[in-house]
Protein backbone atom coordinates (compact mmCIF):
# COMPACT_ATOMS: atom_id res chain seq x y z
CA MET A 1 -16.89 25.04 59.70
CA ARG A 2 -15.99 21.41 59.84
CA THR A 3 -12.81 20.41 57.98
CA SER A 4 -13.91 18.24 54.97
CA PHE A 5 -10.65 16.94 53.62
CA LEU A 6 -6.92 16.72 54.19
CA ILE A 7 -5.19 17.32 50.88
CA VAL A 8 -1.64 16.14 51.06
CA GLY A 9 0.94 16.95 48.32
CA LEU A 10 3.82 14.58 48.13
CA GLY A 11 7.48 15.64 47.27
CA ASN A 12 10.86 15.94 48.76
CA PRO A 13 11.94 19.03 50.71
CA GLY A 14 14.74 21.19 49.57
CA PRO A 15 15.42 23.43 46.54
CA GLU A 16 17.34 20.71 44.74
CA TYR A 17 14.10 18.68 44.40
CA ALA A 18 11.72 21.51 43.75
CA ALA A 19 11.39 21.21 40.02
CA THR A 20 11.64 17.28 39.83
CA ARG A 21 9.00 14.88 38.64
CA HIS A 22 8.70 13.41 42.10
CA ASN A 23 7.64 16.82 43.36
CA VAL A 24 4.50 17.37 41.21
CA GLY A 25 2.36 16.95 44.29
CA PHE A 26 3.99 19.85 45.98
CA MET A 27 3.48 21.90 42.64
CA VAL A 28 -0.22 21.33 42.84
CA LEU A 29 -0.37 22.53 46.59
CA ASP A 30 1.76 25.64 45.51
CA GLU A 31 -0.95 26.35 42.90
CA LEU A 32 -3.64 26.21 45.53
CA LEU A 33 -1.66 28.29 47.95
CA LEU A 34 -0.82 30.99 45.37
CA ALA A 35 -4.62 31.25 44.59
CA ALA A 36 -5.48 31.36 48.29
CA ARG A 37 -2.96 34.17 48.95
CA GLU A 38 -4.51 36.13 46.13
CA ARG A 39 -8.20 35.62 47.35
CA LYS A 40 -9.20 36.56 50.81
CA SER A 41 -12.46 34.59 50.25
CA MET A 42 -10.29 31.41 50.45
CA ARG A 43 -9.30 32.23 54.07
CA LEU A 44 -5.83 30.90 54.07
CA GLU A 45 -4.20 30.36 57.48
CA THR A 46 -0.81 28.85 58.30
CA LEU A 47 -1.03 26.34 60.98
CA GLN A 48 2.40 24.93 61.02
CA ALA A 49 5.46 26.37 59.30
CA GLU A 50 8.22 24.19 60.39
CA GLY A 51 8.96 20.64 61.58
CA ASP A 52 8.08 17.37 59.91
CA TYR A 53 5.26 18.86 57.87
CA LEU A 54 3.88 22.24 56.74
CA LEU A 55 0.14 22.75 57.36
CA TRP A 56 -2.45 25.24 56.27
CA SER A 57 -6.27 25.62 56.44
CA MET A 58 -8.27 27.20 53.67
CA THR A 59 -11.62 27.29 52.06
CA LEU A 60 -11.89 25.51 48.75
CA GLY A 61 -15.21 24.92 46.83
CA GLY A 62 -17.14 26.51 49.72
CA ALA A 63 -15.73 23.93 52.22
CA SER A 64 -12.97 24.14 54.86
CA CYS A 65 -9.98 21.86 54.27
CA LEU A 66 -6.37 21.31 55.35
CA LEU A 67 -3.39 21.40 53.05
CA ALA A 68 -0.17 19.66 53.99
CA LYS A 69 3.43 19.02 52.70
CA PRO A 70 5.33 16.34 54.53
CA MET A 71 8.90 17.51 55.18
CA THR A 72 10.07 14.02 55.95
CA PHE A 73 11.11 12.90 52.46
CA MET A 74 9.02 10.85 50.21
CA ASN A 75 9.45 7.36 51.75
CA LEU A 76 8.54 8.59 55.30
CA SER A 77 5.53 10.74 54.30
CA GLY A 78 3.04 8.47 56.18
CA ARG A 79 4.45 9.61 59.56
CA ALA A 80 3.30 13.22 58.83
CA VAL A 81 0.05 12.28 57.39
CA ALA A 82 -0.92 9.99 60.36
CA ARG A 83 0.22 12.68 62.77
CA ILE A 84 -1.92 15.33 61.10
CA CYS A 85 -5.01 13.01 61.05
CA GLY A 86 -4.62 12.26 64.72
CA ARG A 87 -4.21 15.83 65.81
CA HIS A 88 -6.98 17.29 63.73
CA GLY A 89 -9.51 14.50 63.71
CA VAL A 90 -9.37 13.68 59.98
CA GLU A 91 -10.79 10.35 59.02
CA ARG A 92 -8.64 8.21 56.68
CA ALA A 93 -11.46 8.30 54.01
CA ASP A 94 -11.15 12.10 53.99
CA VAL A 95 -7.51 12.18 52.96
CA VAL A 96 -6.58 13.06 49.47
CA VAL A 97 -2.96 12.37 48.45
CA VAL A 98 -1.67 14.21 45.32
CA HIS A 99 1.30 12.41 43.90
CA ASP A 100 3.29 11.45 40.78
CA GLU A 101 2.34 8.45 38.66
CA LEU A 102 4.82 6.61 36.38
CA ASP A 103 1.97 4.75 34.53
CA LEU A 104 0.38 7.99 33.17
CA PRO A 105 1.90 10.17 30.62
CA VAL A 106 2.66 13.86 31.30
CA GLY A 107 -0.53 15.72 30.85
CA ARG A 108 -2.96 13.13 32.37
CA LEU A 109 -4.37 12.84 35.79
CA LYS A 110 -6.66 10.52 37.54
CA LEU A 111 -8.61 10.49 40.82
CA LYS A 112 -9.43 7.13 42.59
CA ARG A 113 -9.97 5.66 46.01
CA GLY A 114 -7.92 2.92 47.40
CA GLY A 115 -5.79 0.39 45.46
CA GLY A 116 -2.25 -0.66 45.62
CA ALA A 117 0.76 1.71 45.85
CA ASN A 118 2.21 0.52 42.50
CA GLY A 119 5.67 0.84 43.92
CA HIS A 120 5.39 4.47 44.99
CA ARG A 121 7.26 4.72 48.35
CA GLY A 122 5.27 7.77 49.59
CA ILE A 123 1.92 5.90 49.17
CA GLU A 124 3.40 2.74 50.72
CA SER A 125 4.42 4.82 53.79
CA ILE A 126 0.92 6.37 54.05
CA VAL A 127 -0.82 2.96 53.81
CA GLU A 128 1.58 1.60 56.55
CA HIS A 129 1.01 4.50 58.92
CA LEU A 130 -2.85 4.93 58.38
CA GLY A 131 -3.28 1.19 58.52
CA SER A 132 -5.57 1.49 55.41
CA GLU A 133 -5.64 1.94 51.58
CA ASP A 134 -8.95 3.60 51.82
CA PHE A 135 -7.94 7.21 50.97
CA LEU A 136 -8.14 9.19 47.74
CA ARG A 137 -5.20 9.54 45.34
CA LEU A 138 -4.93 12.32 42.77
CA ARG A 139 -2.38 10.70 40.36
CA LEU A 140 -0.42 13.10 38.14
CA GLY A 141 1.35 11.58 35.18
CA ILE A 142 5.15 11.81 34.84
CA GLY A 143 5.70 9.03 32.23
CA ARG A 144 8.14 6.23 32.38
CA PRO A 145 11.71 6.28 31.32
CA GLU A 146 12.69 3.87 28.49
CA PHE A 147 14.37 1.36 30.88
CA SER A 148 12.92 0.31 34.12
CA SER A 149 16.39 0.46 35.74
CA ALA A 150 16.36 4.24 35.30
CA VAL A 151 13.22 4.85 37.35
CA SER A 152 14.96 6.02 40.46
CA ARG A 153 16.97 8.43 38.52
CA TRP A 154 13.97 9.52 36.41
CA VAL A 155 11.68 10.65 39.34
CA LEU A 156 14.43 12.90 40.65
CA GLU A 157 15.09 14.64 37.30
CA PRO A 158 13.49 17.98 36.46
CA PHE A 159 10.74 18.00 33.87
CA ALA A 160 11.96 18.68 30.36
CA SER A 161 11.53 22.33 29.20
CA GLU A 162 9.06 21.18 26.54
CA GLU A 163 6.89 19.57 29.34
CA LEU A 164 6.54 22.61 31.54
CA ASP A 165 3.50 24.06 29.84
CA ALA A 166 1.74 20.68 30.26
CA VAL A 167 2.66 20.57 33.92
CA SER A 168 1.24 24.03 34.45
CA SER A 169 -1.95 22.99 32.74
CA VAL A 170 -2.18 19.84 34.88
CA CYS A 171 -1.64 21.71 38.03
CA ALA A 172 -4.44 24.11 37.11
CA ALA A 173 -6.72 21.14 36.24
CA ALA A 174 -5.87 19.48 39.64
CA HIS A 175 -7.02 22.73 41.32
CA LYS A 176 -10.21 22.71 39.47
CA GLY A 177 -10.81 18.96 40.14
CA LEU A 178 -10.13 19.32 43.83
CA THR A 179 -12.53 22.26 43.93
CA LEU A 180 -15.20 20.07 42.28
CA LEU A 181 -14.53 17.36 44.88
CA LEU A 182 -15.22 19.66 47.75
CA ARG A 183 -18.13 21.43 46.14
CA ARG A 184 -19.92 18.61 44.31
CA GLY A 185 -18.40 15.41 45.34
CA PHE A 186 -16.32 12.42 44.09
CA ALA A 187 -18.42 11.49 41.05
CA GLU A 188 -18.21 14.95 39.36
CA ALA A 189 -14.51 15.51 40.26
CA THR A 190 -13.62 11.98 38.88
CA GLN A 191 -15.47 12.72 35.68
CA TYR A 192 -13.66 15.91 35.05
CA LEU A 193 -10.24 14.76 36.19
CA ASN A 194 -10.10 11.42 34.38
CA ALA A 195 -11.38 12.87 31.09
CA PHE A 196 -8.84 15.73 31.21
CA ARG A 197 -6.75 16.19 28.14
CA LEU A 198 -4.24 18.93 27.21
CA PRO A 199 -5.82 21.43 24.86
CA ASN A 200 -3.30 20.94 22.11
CA ALA A 201 -2.94 17.08 22.65
CA ALA A 202 -2.71 15.31 19.31
CA GLY A 203 -5.86 13.40 18.54
CA SER A 204 -7.50 14.68 21.87
CA ASP A 205 -11.35 14.66 21.66
CA VAL A 206 -11.67 16.27 25.01
CA ALA A 207 -9.87 19.65 25.41
CA MET A 208 -10.84 20.50 28.92
CA ASP A 209 -11.07 24.20 30.05
CA THR A 210 -9.06 24.86 33.10
CA SER A 211 -10.30 28.45 33.54
CA GLY A 212 -12.35 29.29 36.60
CA ALA A 213 -10.37 26.78 38.71
CA LEU A 214 -9.87 29.15 41.55
CA GLY A 215 -11.80 28.18 44.74
C-alpha cells in the first residue's frame, strides 16, 4: 500500500518539555500512537527509534501513512522532515505538520495548506529545508500571553491545569480530523477541524463529537 501522507508532530525532545505548549504537536502524535498500539488493524510499525527523528508507519483512515517526531529541537525540525521525505519518496504536498499556534485560543484548531510561518521557528525551518510552503499545517491553539515580550517563555510553559481537559479534547479532535483527511480528503477534514468547538465552550453553537476518532 502506497504511503499517502507524512504526519509530522512538532515539539522539543526531553521530559522537561513534554507537557509544554510548544509540544502539543507531539501530544497529537502520542494520541495516534496510543490508538495504534491498541488496535492491530492500524498496523503500527516502528521504522526508526533513535537519531534525529522517530518514525513509524501505520494505517489511518484506511490509508498507509508515516508518523514522525523530529528530535532536533524545534528550530531545526526541517532537517528531519526533508530527510524523511527524501528517504521515503514523500512529496512536499503530502506532508502534514501538526504544531502549536499562538493566534488560536486553547480549544481551537485549523487545517490549511501553505501560507506564512507566522514566526513559528519549526515551520520556518521546514519551509527552508523543503524549499516550499506548499504543505499542510494542522494548527492547534495555545493562546497568547498578555505581553508579546513573554512569548518565548509562554510556549515553553506547561498548560495550566484547567486547560488540560481542553487539550485532551483537541488531541482527540485532531485524531478524528486526520482520519477524515486520509479517508475522505482535505475538504471534509477542513470542515470538521475548523468548525470544532469544545463541548462546554461558552456560547458555542457547534459542539463537535470526538467519539469514533480511532482509525
